[in-house]
């Protein structure tokens, strides 16, 4: 009888371990972040899931993300393209390009400094050799002007 009780205890212990392993596996699969890629040579009609399929604008990548996702930016200058969700003050008139911003409403990570052909993780980037700039200089004048975004 003692042997049967020990076997039953062993079976229950194995089942608990198996259940814990299955739950852990399912949780780790659901927590995996998606990485979206953005490059000045990209296109917003692509899926953004590789450097070859990179988006052209940071805002398109932001719109596709979910909480926990990451965005990798290839070297280049990126300009804000969204005023969605912004509300002008009474009497200010309609929103203009100067109101454009990078509208981030999710818990995501954005990393620059990529050449645009890396096959590894965020640790393979080199911002010194692949500068990434988020710029509000919408008119490309190089100085402060009425053609610049109020904020990025």
N, C-alpha and C. Protein backbone atom coordinates (compact mmCIF):
# COMPACT_ATOMS: atom_id res chain seq x y z
N UNK A 1 0.82 -1.19 0.00
CA UNK A 1 0.00 0.00 0.00
C UNK A 1 0.86 1.25 0.00
N UNK A 2 1.95 1.21 0.75
CA UNK A 2 2.87 2.35 0.78
C UNK A 2 3.45 2.60 -0.60
N UNK A 3 3.73 1.55 -1.34
CA UNK A 3 4.27 1.68 -2.69
C UNK A 3 3.28 2.37 -3.60
N UNK A 4 1.99 2.04 -3.49
CA UNK A 4 0.96 2.68 -4.30
C UNK A 4 0.83 4.16 -3.98
N UNK A 5 0.94 4.52 -2.73
CA UNK A 5 0.85 5.92 -2.32
C UNK A 5 2.05 6.69 -2.87
N UNK A 6 3.23 6.08 -2.84
CA UNK A 6 4.42 6.74 -3.38
C UNK A 6 4.31 6.94 -4.89
N UNK A 7 3.77 5.93 -5.59
CA UNK A 7 3.57 6.07 -7.04
C UNK A 7 2.59 7.18 -7.35
N UNK A 8 1.49 7.23 -6.60
CA UNK A 8 0.49 8.27 -6.80
C UNK A 8 1.09 9.65 -6.54
N UNK A 9 1.87 9.78 -5.49
CA UNK A 9 2.53 11.05 -5.18
C UNK A 9 3.50 11.43 -6.30
N UNK A 10 4.22 10.47 -6.83
CA UNK A 10 5.16 10.72 -7.92
C UNK A 10 4.42 11.20 -9.17
N UNK A 11 3.30 10.55 -9.50
CA UNK A 11 2.50 10.93 -10.67
C UNK A 11 1.96 12.35 -10.50
N UNK A 12 1.46 12.67 -9.32
CA UNK A 12 0.93 14.01 -9.07
C UNK A 12 2.03 15.07 -9.16
N UNK A 13 3.20 14.77 -8.63
CA UNK A 13 4.32 15.70 -8.70
C UNK A 13 4.73 15.93 -10.16
N UNK A 14 4.78 14.85 -10.95
CA UNK A 14 5.13 14.98 -12.36
C UNK A 14 4.09 15.83 -13.09
N UNK A 15 2.82 15.62 -12.81
CA UNK A 15 1.76 16.38 -13.47
C UNK A 15 1.84 17.86 -13.10
N UNK A 16 2.15 18.16 -11.85
CA UNK A 16 2.30 19.56 -11.44
C UNK A 16 3.47 20.21 -12.18
N UNK A 17 4.58 19.50 -12.28
CA UNK A 17 5.75 20.04 -12.99
C UNK A 17 5.42 20.26 -14.46
N UNK A 18 4.72 19.31 -15.05
CA UNK A 18 4.34 19.43 -16.45
C UNK A 18 3.40 20.63 -16.65
N UNK A 19 2.44 20.79 -15.78
CA UNK A 19 1.51 21.91 -15.85
C UNK A 19 2.25 23.24 -15.72
N UNK A 20 3.16 23.34 -14.78
CA UNK A 20 3.94 24.56 -14.60
C UNK A 20 4.76 24.85 -15.85
N UNK A 21 5.36 23.82 -16.44
CA UNK A 21 6.17 23.99 -17.65
C UNK A 21 5.30 24.49 -18.80
N UNK A 22 4.12 23.95 -18.96
CA UNK A 22 3.21 24.36 -20.04
C UNK A 22 2.78 25.81 -19.85
N UNK A 23 2.41 26.17 -18.63
CA UNK A 23 2.01 27.55 -18.34
C UNK A 23 3.16 28.51 -18.62
N UNK A 24 4.37 28.17 -18.19
CA UNK A 24 5.54 29.01 -18.42
C UNK A 24 5.78 29.19 -19.92
N UNK A 25 5.68 28.11 -20.69
CA UNK A 25 5.88 28.17 -22.13
C UNK A 25 4.85 29.07 -22.79
N UNK A 26 3.59 28.92 -22.43
CA UNK A 26 2.54 29.75 -23.01
C UNK A 26 2.73 31.22 -22.66
N UNK A 27 3.11 31.50 -21.44
CA UNK A 27 3.35 32.89 -21.02
C UNK A 27 4.53 33.49 -21.78
N UNK A 28 5.58 32.73 -21.94
CA UNK A 28 6.76 33.27 -22.63
C UNK A 28 6.47 33.51 -24.10
N UNK A 29 5.63 32.70 -24.72
CA UNK A 29 5.26 32.93 -26.10
C UNK A 29 4.43 34.19 -26.25
N UNK A 30 3.53 34.43 -25.32
CA UNK A 30 2.67 35.60 -25.42
C UNK A 30 3.39 36.88 -25.04
N UNK A 31 4.52 36.79 -24.31
CA UNK A 31 5.25 37.98 -23.90
C UNK A 31 6.33 38.39 -24.89
N UNK A 32 6.52 37.63 -25.92
CA UNK A 32 7.56 37.95 -26.90
C UNK A 32 7.21 39.22 -27.65
N UNK A 33 8.12 40.17 -27.64
CA UNK A 33 7.90 41.44 -28.30
C UNK A 33 8.11 41.30 -29.80
N UNK A 34 7.33 42.05 -30.55
CA UNK A 34 7.54 42.15 -31.98
C UNK A 34 8.49 43.31 -32.23
N UNK A 35 9.43 43.12 -33.15
CA UNK A 35 10.34 44.19 -33.53
C UNK A 35 9.91 44.71 -34.89
N UNK A 36 9.69 46.03 -34.96
CA UNK A 36 9.38 46.68 -36.22
C UNK A 36 10.59 47.49 -36.66
N UNK A 37 10.84 47.51 -37.97
CA UNK A 37 12.01 48.16 -38.53
C UNK A 37 11.59 49.37 -39.35
N UNK A 38 12.39 50.45 -39.26
CA UNK A 38 12.12 51.69 -39.99
C UNK A 38 13.41 52.14 -40.65
N UNK A 39 13.31 52.53 -41.91
CA UNK A 39 14.48 52.97 -42.67
C UNK A 39 14.04 54.09 -43.62
N UNK A 40 14.90 55.09 -43.85
CA UNK A 40 14.55 56.12 -44.83
C UNK A 40 14.27 55.54 -46.22
N UNK A 41 14.81 54.36 -46.52
CA UNK A 41 14.56 53.71 -47.81
C UNK A 41 13.34 52.79 -47.76
N UNK A 42 12.62 52.77 -46.65
CA UNK A 42 11.48 51.87 -46.49
C UNK A 42 10.23 52.39 -47.17
N UNK A 43 9.13 51.71 -46.93
CA UNK A 43 7.83 52.09 -47.47
C UNK A 43 6.77 51.76 -46.42
N UNK A 44 5.86 52.69 -46.21
CA UNK A 44 4.80 52.46 -45.22
C UNK A 44 3.75 51.46 -45.69
N UNK A 45 3.88 50.97 -46.92
CA UNK A 45 2.96 49.93 -47.40
C UNK A 45 3.47 48.53 -47.07
N UNK A 46 4.69 48.44 -46.53
CA UNK A 46 5.27 47.15 -46.16
C UNK A 46 4.83 46.75 -44.76
N UNK A 47 5.28 45.56 -44.31
CA UNK A 47 4.85 45.09 -42.98
C UNK A 47 5.79 45.50 -41.85
N UNK A 48 7.00 45.99 -42.16
CA UNK A 48 7.91 46.49 -41.14
C UNK A 48 8.56 45.42 -40.28
N UNK A 49 8.48 44.16 -40.65
CA UNK A 49 8.96 43.07 -39.80
C UNK A 49 10.40 42.65 -40.07
N UNK A 50 11.09 43.33 -40.98
CA UNK A 50 12.50 43.06 -41.27
C UNK A 50 13.07 44.32 -41.89
N UNK A 51 14.41 44.37 -42.02
CA UNK A 51 15.02 45.52 -42.68
C UNK A 51 14.58 45.59 -44.14
N UNK A 52 14.41 44.45 -44.79
CA UNK A 52 13.98 44.43 -46.20
C UNK A 52 12.54 44.89 -46.37
N UNK A 53 11.76 44.80 -45.31
CA UNK A 53 10.35 45.20 -45.35
C UNK A 53 10.09 46.40 -44.43
N UNK A 54 11.10 47.22 -44.21
CA UNK A 54 11.01 48.32 -43.25
C UNK A 54 9.99 49.38 -43.66
N UNK A 55 9.39 50.00 -42.64
CA UNK A 55 8.55 51.17 -42.86
C UNK A 55 9.44 52.37 -43.19
N UNK A 56 8.85 53.41 -43.76
CA UNK A 56 9.59 54.64 -44.05
C UNK A 56 9.46 55.65 -42.93
N UNK A 57 8.35 55.61 -42.20
CA UNK A 57 8.13 56.61 -41.15
C UNK A 57 8.02 55.95 -39.78
N UNK A 58 8.54 56.66 -38.81
CA UNK A 58 8.47 56.19 -37.43
C UNK A 58 7.02 56.09 -36.98
N UNK A 59 6.18 57.04 -37.39
CA UNK A 59 4.79 57.03 -36.93
C UNK A 59 4.05 55.79 -37.38
N UNK A 60 4.33 55.30 -38.60
CA UNK A 60 3.67 54.08 -39.07
C UNK A 60 4.04 52.89 -38.18
N UNK A 61 5.31 52.83 -37.80
CA UNK A 61 5.74 51.75 -36.91
C UNK A 61 5.06 51.89 -35.55
N UNK A 62 5.00 53.10 -35.03
CA UNK A 62 4.35 53.33 -33.73
C UNK A 62 2.90 52.85 -33.78
N UNK A 63 2.21 53.15 -34.86
CA UNK A 63 0.80 52.77 -34.99
C UNK A 63 0.62 51.25 -35.01
N UNK A 64 1.59 50.52 -35.54
CA UNK A 64 1.48 49.06 -35.63
C UNK A 64 1.81 48.35 -34.31
N UNK A 65 2.54 49.01 -33.42
CA UNK A 65 3.00 48.35 -32.20
C UNK A 65 1.90 48.07 -31.21
N UNK A 66 2.22 47.14 -30.32
CA UNK A 66 1.42 46.87 -29.14
C UNK A 66 2.35 47.04 -27.94
N UNK A 67 1.79 47.14 -26.75
CA UNK A 67 2.62 47.28 -25.55
C UNK A 67 3.70 46.21 -25.53
N UNK A 68 4.93 46.63 -25.23
CA UNK A 68 6.04 45.71 -25.13
C UNK A 68 6.84 45.52 -26.41
N UNK A 69 6.34 46.03 -27.53
CA UNK A 69 7.06 45.89 -28.80
C UNK A 69 8.24 46.85 -28.86
N UNK A 70 9.12 46.62 -29.85
CA UNK A 70 10.29 47.47 -30.05
C UNK A 70 10.33 47.96 -31.49
N UNK A 71 10.94 49.14 -31.67
CA UNK A 71 11.14 49.71 -33.01
C UNK A 71 12.63 49.97 -33.17
N UNK A 72 13.20 49.48 -34.28
CA UNK A 72 14.60 49.71 -34.61
C UNK A 72 14.65 50.70 -35.77
N UNK A 73 15.40 51.79 -35.60
CA UNK A 73 15.51 52.83 -36.61
C UNK A 73 16.88 52.77 -37.29
N UNK A 74 16.89 52.68 -38.60
CA UNK A 74 18.13 52.76 -39.35
C UNK A 74 18.61 54.21 -39.34
N UNK A 75 19.89 54.38 -39.57
CA UNK A 75 20.50 55.71 -39.60
C UNK A 75 19.72 56.62 -40.56
N UNK A 76 19.48 57.84 -40.11
CA UNK A 76 18.76 58.80 -40.93
C UNK A 76 18.04 59.81 -40.06
N UNK A 77 17.31 60.70 -40.71
CA UNK A 77 16.54 61.72 -40.01
C UNK A 77 15.07 61.42 -40.20
N UNK A 78 14.34 61.46 -39.10
CA UNK A 78 12.92 61.15 -39.11
C UNK A 78 12.14 62.37 -38.61
N UNK A 79 11.03 62.66 -39.29
CA UNK A 79 10.22 63.82 -38.98
C UNK A 79 8.86 63.39 -38.47
N UNK A 80 8.27 64.15 -37.56
CA UNK A 80 6.92 63.80 -37.08
C UNK A 80 5.90 63.93 -38.20
N UNK A 81 4.94 63.02 -38.22
CA UNK A 81 3.94 63.02 -39.30
C UNK A 81 2.51 62.89 -38.78
N UNK A 82 2.30 63.03 -37.47
CA UNK A 82 0.96 62.83 -36.93
C UNK A 82 0.51 64.00 -36.07
N UNK A 83 -0.73 64.38 -36.25
CA UNK A 83 -1.37 65.28 -35.30
C UNK A 83 -2.66 64.65 -34.79
N UNK A 84 -2.81 63.37 -35.08
CA UNK A 84 -3.98 62.61 -34.64
C UNK A 84 -4.07 62.66 -33.12
N UNK A 85 -5.23 62.97 -32.61
CA UNK A 85 -5.44 62.99 -31.17
C UNK A 85 -5.10 64.32 -30.52
N UNK A 86 -4.47 65.23 -31.26
CA UNK A 86 -4.17 66.54 -30.69
C UNK A 86 -5.37 67.45 -30.87
N UNK A 87 -5.64 68.24 -29.88
CA UNK A 87 -6.77 69.15 -29.91
C UNK A 87 -6.24 70.56 -29.74
N UNK A 88 -6.53 71.43 -30.71
CA UNK A 88 -6.08 72.82 -30.62
C UNK A 88 -6.88 73.58 -29.58
N UNK A 89 -6.27 74.61 -29.04
CA UNK A 89 -6.97 75.46 -28.09
C UNK A 89 -7.97 76.32 -28.83
N UNK A 90 -9.04 76.70 -28.15
CA UNK A 90 -10.07 77.51 -28.77
C UNK A 90 -9.46 78.80 -29.31
N UNK A 91 -9.76 79.11 -30.55
CA UNK A 91 -9.25 80.32 -31.18
C UNK A 91 -7.90 80.13 -31.86
N UNK A 92 -7.27 78.98 -31.71
CA UNK A 92 -5.97 78.76 -32.34
C UNK A 92 -6.08 78.47 -33.83
N UNK A 93 -7.25 78.11 -34.29
CA UNK A 93 -7.42 77.77 -35.69
C UNK A 93 -7.12 76.31 -35.94
N UNK A 94 -7.12 75.90 -37.21
CA UNK A 94 -6.91 74.49 -37.53
C UNK A 94 -5.47 74.06 -37.25
N UNK A 95 -5.31 72.75 -37.06
CA UNK A 95 -3.97 72.20 -36.86
C UNK A 95 -3.19 72.29 -38.17
N UNK A 96 -1.89 72.53 -38.05
CA UNK A 96 -1.02 72.64 -39.22
C UNK A 96 0.14 71.65 -39.06
N UNK A 97 1.05 71.65 -40.03
CA UNK A 97 2.22 70.78 -39.94
C UNK A 97 3.03 71.08 -38.69
N UNK A 98 3.00 72.30 -38.21
CA UNK A 98 3.75 72.67 -37.01
C UNK A 98 3.25 71.91 -35.78
N UNK A 99 2.03 71.39 -35.87
CA UNK A 99 1.46 70.63 -34.76
C UNK A 99 1.82 69.16 -34.82
N UNK A 100 2.51 68.74 -35.88
CA UNK A 100 2.89 67.33 -36.01
C UNK A 100 3.79 66.90 -34.85
N UNK A 101 3.67 65.63 -34.50
CA UNK A 101 4.45 65.06 -33.40
C UNK A 101 4.63 63.56 -33.65
N UNK A 102 5.51 62.95 -32.90
CA UNK A 102 5.55 61.49 -32.85
C UNK A 102 4.61 61.10 -31.72
N UNK A 103 3.42 60.65 -32.07
CA UNK A 103 2.38 60.37 -31.09
C UNK A 103 2.53 58.95 -30.57
N UNK A 104 3.03 58.83 -29.33
CA UNK A 104 3.27 57.52 -28.71
C UNK A 104 2.30 57.36 -27.55
N UNK A 105 1.43 56.37 -27.66
CA UNK A 105 0.42 56.14 -26.62
C UNK A 105 0.54 54.74 -26.01
N UNK A 106 1.66 54.07 -26.30
CA UNK A 106 1.84 52.69 -25.84
C UNK A 106 3.17 52.56 -25.12
N UNK A 107 3.33 51.49 -24.38
CA UNK A 107 4.57 51.19 -23.69
C UNK A 107 5.48 50.41 -24.63
N UNK A 108 6.26 51.16 -25.43
CA UNK A 108 7.14 50.57 -26.43
C UNK A 108 8.56 51.09 -26.25
N UNK A 109 9.52 50.44 -26.88
CA UNK A 109 10.91 50.89 -26.87
C UNK A 109 11.32 51.23 -28.29
N UNK A 110 12.00 52.37 -28.45
CA UNK A 110 12.47 52.82 -29.76
C UNK A 110 13.98 52.98 -29.69
N UNK A 111 14.68 52.30 -30.60
CA UNK A 111 16.15 52.33 -30.62
C UNK A 111 16.64 52.79 -31.99
N UNK A 112 17.57 53.72 -32.00
CA UNK A 112 18.22 54.15 -33.22
C UNK A 112 19.64 53.62 -33.25
N UNK A 113 20.38 54.06 -34.26
CA UNK A 113 21.79 53.70 -34.34
C UNK A 113 22.08 52.44 -35.13
N UNK A 114 21.15 52.00 -35.95
CA UNK A 114 21.35 50.81 -36.78
C UNK A 114 21.78 51.22 -38.19
N UNK A 115 22.62 50.41 -38.82
CA UNK A 115 22.97 50.63 -40.23
C UNK A 115 21.79 50.25 -41.13
N UNK A 116 21.03 49.27 -40.70
CA UNK A 116 19.88 48.83 -41.48
C UNK A 116 20.06 47.47 -42.10
N UNK A 117 21.09 46.74 -41.66
CA UNK A 117 21.28 45.39 -42.18
C UNK A 117 21.66 44.40 -41.08
N UNK A 118 21.58 44.84 -39.83
CA UNK A 118 21.94 43.97 -38.70
C UNK A 118 20.99 42.78 -38.61
N UNK A 119 21.55 41.68 -38.19
CA UNK A 119 20.73 40.47 -38.01
C UNK A 119 20.66 40.08 -36.54
N UNK A 120 21.25 40.89 -35.69
CA UNK A 120 21.27 40.57 -34.27
C UNK A 120 20.32 41.49 -33.51
N UNK A 121 20.53 41.61 -32.23
CA UNK A 121 19.63 42.37 -31.37
C UNK A 121 20.05 43.82 -31.26
N UNK A 122 19.38 44.52 -30.39
CA UNK A 122 19.66 45.93 -30.15
C UNK A 122 21.11 46.17 -29.75
N UNK A 123 21.76 45.15 -29.22
CA UNK A 123 23.15 45.30 -28.79
C UNK A 123 24.13 45.35 -29.96
N UNK A 124 23.68 45.08 -31.17
CA UNK A 124 24.57 45.12 -32.33
C UNK A 124 24.61 46.50 -32.98
N UNK A 125 23.86 47.44 -32.48
CA UNK A 125 23.82 48.77 -33.09
C UNK A 125 25.03 49.59 -32.66
N UNK A 126 25.31 50.64 -33.43
CA UNK A 126 26.42 51.53 -33.12
C UNK A 126 25.99 52.96 -33.44
N UNK A 127 25.41 53.67 -32.48
CA UNK A 127 24.90 55.03 -32.74
C UNK A 127 25.96 56.00 -33.23
N UNK A 128 27.24 55.80 -32.88
CA UNK A 128 28.28 56.70 -33.34
C UNK A 128 28.50 56.59 -34.85
N UNK A 129 28.34 55.40 -35.39
CA UNK A 129 28.54 55.18 -36.83
C UNK A 129 27.25 55.21 -37.64
N UNK A 130 26.12 55.21 -36.97
CA UNK A 130 24.83 55.22 -37.66
C UNK A 130 23.87 56.15 -36.92
N UNK A 131 24.13 57.48 -36.98
CA UNK A 131 23.29 58.41 -36.22
C UNK A 131 21.83 58.41 -36.67
N UNK A 132 20.97 58.47 -35.70
CA UNK A 132 19.53 58.52 -35.94
C UNK A 132 19.00 59.80 -35.30
N UNK A 133 18.31 60.61 -36.08
CA UNK A 133 17.87 61.92 -35.61
C UNK A 133 16.35 62.01 -35.72
N UNK A 134 15.72 62.43 -34.63
CA UNK A 134 14.30 62.78 -34.65
C UNK A 134 14.25 64.30 -34.72
N UNK A 135 13.76 64.85 -35.82
CA UNK A 135 13.86 66.28 -36.07
C UNK A 135 12.50 66.92 -36.24
N UNK A 136 12.37 68.12 -35.71
CA UNK A 136 11.17 68.94 -35.92
C UNK A 136 11.38 70.00 -36.97
N UNK A 137 12.52 69.97 -37.67
CA UNK A 137 12.85 70.95 -38.71
C UNK A 137 12.13 70.55 -40.00
N UNK A 138 10.82 70.75 -40.02
CA UNK A 138 9.99 70.26 -41.12
C UNK A 138 10.30 70.92 -42.46
N UNK A 139 10.77 72.16 -42.43
CA UNK A 139 11.09 72.84 -43.68
C UNK A 139 12.56 72.69 -44.08
N UNK A 140 13.32 71.93 -43.30
CA UNK A 140 14.74 71.67 -43.57
C UNK A 140 15.57 72.95 -43.73
N UNK A 141 15.20 73.98 -42.97
CA UNK A 141 15.93 75.24 -43.07
C UNK A 141 17.24 75.21 -42.28
N UNK A 142 17.35 74.31 -41.33
CA UNK A 142 18.56 74.22 -40.53
C UNK A 142 18.60 75.16 -39.35
N UNK A 143 17.59 75.99 -39.21
CA UNK A 143 17.52 76.87 -38.04
C UNK A 143 16.06 77.01 -37.60
N UNK A 144 15.85 77.71 -36.52
CA UNK A 144 14.49 77.91 -36.03
C UNK A 144 13.70 78.77 -37.01
N UNK A 145 12.51 78.31 -37.37
CA UNK A 145 11.68 79.05 -38.29
C UNK A 145 10.21 78.70 -38.08
N UNK A 146 9.35 79.41 -38.79
CA UNK A 146 7.91 79.14 -38.71
C UNK A 146 7.55 77.81 -39.39
N UNK A 147 8.52 77.16 -40.00
CA UNK A 147 8.28 75.88 -40.65
C UNK A 147 8.65 74.69 -39.78
N UNK A 148 8.96 74.93 -38.51
CA UNK A 148 9.36 73.86 -37.61
C UNK A 148 8.19 73.40 -36.75
N UNK A 149 8.25 72.14 -36.35
CA UNK A 149 7.23 71.60 -35.43
C UNK A 149 7.38 72.27 -34.06
N UNK A 150 6.27 72.46 -33.39
CA UNK A 150 6.31 73.04 -32.04
C UNK A 150 7.02 72.11 -31.08
N UNK A 151 6.83 70.82 -31.27
CA UNK A 151 7.46 69.79 -30.42
C UNK A 151 7.47 68.50 -31.20
N UNK A 152 8.33 67.57 -30.81
CA UNK A 152 8.34 66.31 -31.52
C UNK A 152 7.87 65.22 -30.59
